[in-house]
N, C-alpha and C. Protein backbone atom coordinates (compact mmCIF):
# COMPACT_ATOMS: atom_id res chain seq x y z
N MET A 1 141.68 38.06 9.01
CA MET A 1 142.39 37.46 7.93
C MET A 1 143.29 36.38 8.51
N ALA A 2 143.28 35.24 7.90
CA ALA A 2 144.08 34.13 8.37
C ALA A 2 145.56 34.29 7.92
N ASP A 3 146.43 33.87 8.80
CA ASP A 3 147.85 33.86 8.44
C ASP A 3 148.19 32.63 7.62
N THR A 4 149.23 32.74 6.85
CA THR A 4 149.72 31.61 6.08
C THR A 4 151.23 31.63 6.12
N THR A 5 151.84 30.57 5.71
CA THR A 5 153.29 30.46 5.70
C THR A 5 153.79 30.42 4.28
N VAL A 6 154.82 31.17 3.99
CA VAL A 6 155.46 31.13 2.70
C VAL A 6 156.89 30.64 2.95
N LYS A 7 157.25 29.57 2.27
CA LYS A 7 158.58 29.01 2.47
C LYS A 7 159.57 29.60 1.45
N VAL A 8 160.63 30.15 2.01
CA VAL A 8 161.73 30.65 1.18
C VAL A 8 163.04 30.16 1.80
N ASP A 9 164.08 30.14 1.02
CA ASP A 9 165.37 29.72 1.57
C ASP A 9 165.86 30.75 2.59
N SER A 10 166.80 30.35 3.41
CA SER A 10 167.25 31.22 4.51
C SER A 10 167.91 32.48 3.99
N GLU A 11 168.60 32.40 2.85
CA GLU A 11 169.24 33.61 2.28
C GLU A 11 168.16 34.64 1.90
N THR A 12 167.10 34.20 1.25
CA THR A 12 166.02 35.09 0.84
C THR A 12 165.34 35.65 2.09
N ARG A 13 165.08 34.82 3.08
CA ARG A 13 164.48 35.29 4.34
C ARG A 13 165.32 36.39 4.97
N ASP A 14 166.63 36.18 5.02
CA ASP A 14 167.52 37.17 5.63
C ASP A 14 167.55 38.46 4.82
N ARG A 15 167.53 38.32 3.50
CA ARG A 15 167.52 39.53 2.66
C ARG A 15 166.23 40.31 2.85
N LEU A 16 165.11 39.62 2.90
CA LEU A 16 163.81 40.28 3.14
C LEU A 16 163.80 40.96 4.48
N ALA A 17 164.33 40.29 5.49
CA ALA A 17 164.36 40.87 6.83
C ALA A 17 165.23 42.14 6.86
N ALA A 18 166.35 42.10 6.18
CA ALA A 18 167.26 43.25 6.17
C ALA A 18 166.60 44.43 5.43
N VAL A 19 165.97 44.17 4.30
CA VAL A 19 165.34 45.25 3.55
C VAL A 19 164.15 45.80 4.34
N ALA A 20 163.37 44.93 4.93
CA ALA A 20 162.22 45.39 5.74
C ALA A 20 162.72 46.26 6.90
N ALA A 21 163.76 45.81 7.57
CA ALA A 21 164.31 46.58 8.71
C ALA A 21 164.81 47.93 8.22
N ALA A 22 165.41 47.99 7.05
CA ALA A 22 165.90 49.26 6.51
C ALA A 22 164.74 50.24 6.28
N HIS A 23 163.57 49.70 6.04
CA HIS A 23 162.36 50.53 5.83
C HIS A 23 161.60 50.73 7.16
N GLY A 24 162.15 50.16 8.23
CA GLY A 24 161.50 50.30 9.54
C GLY A 24 160.21 49.50 9.64
N LYS A 25 160.16 48.37 8.93
CA LYS A 25 158.94 47.55 8.92
C LYS A 25 159.26 46.13 9.25
N SER A 26 158.22 45.40 9.64
CA SER A 26 158.35 43.95 9.80
C SER A 26 158.34 43.35 8.40
N VAL A 27 158.79 42.11 8.30
CA VAL A 27 158.74 41.43 7.01
C VAL A 27 157.29 41.34 6.52
N ARG A 28 156.38 41.07 7.43
CA ARG A 28 154.97 40.96 7.07
C ARG A 28 154.47 42.27 6.45
N ALA A 29 154.75 43.39 7.13
CA ALA A 29 154.30 44.70 6.62
C ALA A 29 154.99 45.05 5.30
N PHE A 30 156.29 44.74 5.23
CA PHE A 30 157.04 45.04 4.02
C PHE A 30 156.48 44.25 2.83
N LEU A 31 156.22 42.96 3.03
CA LEU A 31 155.70 42.15 1.93
C LEU A 31 154.29 42.59 1.53
N ALA A 32 153.48 43.01 2.50
CA ALA A 32 152.15 43.54 2.18
C ALA A 32 152.27 44.77 1.31
N ASP A 33 153.22 45.66 1.66
CA ASP A 33 153.42 46.87 0.86
C ASP A 33 153.94 46.54 -0.53
N VAL A 34 154.86 45.57 -0.62
CA VAL A 34 155.39 45.17 -1.91
C VAL A 34 154.28 44.62 -2.79
N ALA A 35 153.37 43.83 -2.22
CA ALA A 35 152.27 43.29 -2.99
C ALA A 35 151.40 44.39 -3.56
N VAL A 36 151.09 45.39 -2.76
CA VAL A 36 150.27 46.53 -3.23
C VAL A 36 151.01 47.29 -4.31
N GLN A 37 152.28 47.54 -4.11
CA GLN A 37 153.08 48.26 -5.11
C GLN A 37 153.14 47.53 -6.42
N GLU A 38 153.32 46.22 -6.36
CA GLU A 38 153.39 45.41 -7.58
C GLU A 38 152.02 45.37 -8.30
N GLU A 39 150.96 45.27 -7.53
CA GLU A 39 149.61 45.34 -8.15
C GLU A 39 149.43 46.67 -8.87
N ASN A 40 149.83 47.75 -8.20
CA ASN A 40 149.71 49.08 -8.81
C ASN A 40 150.60 49.19 -10.05
N HIS A 41 151.79 48.62 -10.00
CA HIS A 41 152.71 48.64 -11.14
C HIS A 41 152.07 47.91 -12.33
N LEU A 42 151.47 46.76 -12.09
CA LEU A 42 150.82 45.99 -13.17
C LEU A 42 149.65 46.77 -13.76
N LYS A 43 148.85 47.41 -12.90
CA LYS A 43 147.73 48.21 -13.39
C LYS A 43 148.19 49.40 -14.19
N LEU A 44 149.26 50.06 -13.72
CA LEU A 44 149.80 51.20 -14.44
C LEU A 44 150.37 50.76 -15.81
N ALA A 45 151.04 49.63 -15.85
CA ALA A 45 151.58 49.13 -17.11
C ALA A 45 150.44 48.84 -18.09
N GLU A 46 149.37 48.26 -17.60
CA GLU A 46 148.21 47.98 -18.44
C GLU A 46 147.58 49.27 -18.95
N ALA A 47 147.41 50.25 -18.07
CA ALA A 47 146.85 51.54 -18.46
C ALA A 47 147.77 52.23 -19.46
N THR A 48 149.04 52.14 -19.26
CA THR A 48 150.01 52.77 -20.18
C THR A 48 149.90 52.13 -21.56
N ALA A 49 149.78 50.82 -21.61
CA ALA A 49 149.65 50.13 -22.88
C ALA A 49 148.37 50.58 -23.61
N HIS A 50 147.27 50.70 -22.87
CA HIS A 50 146.02 51.18 -23.48
C HIS A 50 146.15 52.61 -23.97
N PHE A 51 146.83 53.46 -23.18
CA PHE A 51 147.03 54.84 -23.57
C PHE A 51 147.81 54.91 -24.89
N HIS A 52 148.89 54.15 -24.95
CA HIS A 52 149.70 54.16 -26.18
C HIS A 52 148.90 53.63 -27.39
N GLU A 53 148.10 52.64 -27.14
CA GLU A 53 147.24 52.11 -28.22
C GLU A 53 146.29 53.17 -28.75
N VAL A 54 145.67 53.88 -27.84
CA VAL A 54 144.70 54.91 -28.24
C VAL A 54 145.40 56.08 -28.92
N THR A 55 146.53 56.52 -28.37
CA THR A 55 147.19 57.71 -28.95
C THR A 55 147.85 57.43 -30.27
N ARG A 56 147.99 56.20 -30.65
CA ARG A 56 148.55 55.86 -31.99
C ARG A 56 147.50 55.89 -33.08
N ARG A 57 146.24 56.00 -32.67
CA ARG A 57 145.17 56.01 -33.68
C ARG A 57 145.25 57.30 -34.48
N PRO A 58 145.09 57.19 -35.79
CA PRO A 58 145.16 58.40 -36.64
C PRO A 58 144.10 59.42 -36.21
N GLY A 59 144.54 60.66 -36.12
CA GLY A 59 143.63 61.75 -35.84
C GLY A 59 143.38 62.03 -34.37
N ILE A 60 143.90 61.23 -33.47
CA ILE A 60 143.58 61.41 -32.07
C ILE A 60 144.16 62.73 -31.51
N ALA A 61 145.39 63.06 -31.93
CA ALA A 61 145.98 64.31 -31.46
C ALA A 61 145.17 65.51 -31.94
N GLU A 62 144.73 65.45 -33.17
CA GLU A 62 143.93 66.55 -33.74
C GLU A 62 142.57 66.62 -33.03
N ALA A 63 141.99 65.48 -32.70
CA ALA A 63 140.72 65.46 -31.99
C ALA A 63 140.88 66.06 -30.60
N PHE A 64 141.98 65.73 -29.95
CA PHE A 64 142.25 66.29 -28.62
C PHE A 64 142.36 67.80 -28.70
N ASP A 65 143.17 68.29 -29.67
CA ASP A 65 143.36 69.73 -29.84
C ASP A 65 142.02 70.42 -30.15
N ALA A 66 141.18 69.79 -30.95
CA ALA A 66 139.88 70.39 -31.29
C ALA A 66 138.96 70.42 -30.05
N ALA A 67 139.09 69.43 -29.19
CA ALA A 67 138.25 69.37 -27.98
C ALA A 67 138.68 70.40 -26.95
N PHE A 68 139.93 70.81 -26.97
CA PHE A 68 140.49 71.75 -25.99
C PHE A 68 141.18 72.91 -26.68
N PRO A 69 140.43 73.67 -27.47
CA PRO A 69 141.08 74.75 -28.26
C PRO A 69 141.68 75.86 -27.43
N GLU A 70 141.20 76.05 -26.19
CA GLU A 70 141.71 77.13 -25.36
C GLU A 70 143.07 76.81 -24.77
N ASP A 71 143.46 75.54 -24.80
CA ASP A 71 144.77 75.17 -24.27
C ASP A 71 145.84 75.51 -25.31
N THR A 72 146.98 75.89 -24.79
CA THR A 72 148.09 76.22 -25.69
C THR A 72 149.20 75.21 -25.46
N PRO A 73 150.06 74.99 -26.46
CA PRO A 73 151.17 74.07 -26.27
C PRO A 73 152.06 74.53 -25.13
N VAL A 74 152.65 73.57 -24.43
CA VAL A 74 153.53 73.87 -23.31
C VAL A 74 154.78 74.55 -23.78
N SER A 75 155.35 74.09 -24.88
CA SER A 75 156.57 74.67 -25.41
C SER A 75 156.31 75.31 -26.76
N PRO A 76 156.94 76.44 -27.06
CA PRO A 76 156.76 77.09 -28.36
C PRO A 76 157.14 76.15 -29.49
N GLY A 77 156.36 76.16 -30.52
CA GLY A 77 156.69 75.34 -31.69
C GLY A 77 156.20 73.91 -31.61
N ILE A 78 155.59 73.52 -30.52
CA ILE A 78 155.11 72.14 -30.38
C ILE A 78 153.60 72.15 -30.54
N THR A 79 153.12 71.33 -31.45
CA THR A 79 151.69 71.18 -31.67
C THR A 79 151.31 69.73 -31.42
N GLY A 80 150.04 69.41 -31.40
CA GLY A 80 149.60 68.04 -31.21
C GLY A 80 149.92 67.57 -29.80
N ARG A 81 149.40 68.21 -28.80
CA ARG A 81 149.74 67.93 -27.41
C ARG A 81 149.37 66.50 -26.99
N ALA A 82 148.37 65.92 -27.63
CA ALA A 82 147.93 64.60 -27.20
C ALA A 82 148.86 63.50 -27.64
N ALA A 83 149.70 63.75 -28.62
CA ALA A 83 150.56 62.68 -29.17
C ALA A 83 151.87 62.62 -28.45
């Protein structure tokens, strides 16, 4: 993989270096980890939005309960586990 240069102001560079050092990493390794974490965060946010869209559909909680009749609610008095 080829290296590249990212230009940031000296204050940002110093802040990144300090945070990376606090994690015991180089700035390069820290930024690589941050990129992966942010990609995962975006994917999770997208998945969460789709989940909420699906669970708002009428009848989905009842369909879930019908598909898994042997499961019981986690807390007494709570029905519709999928919602």
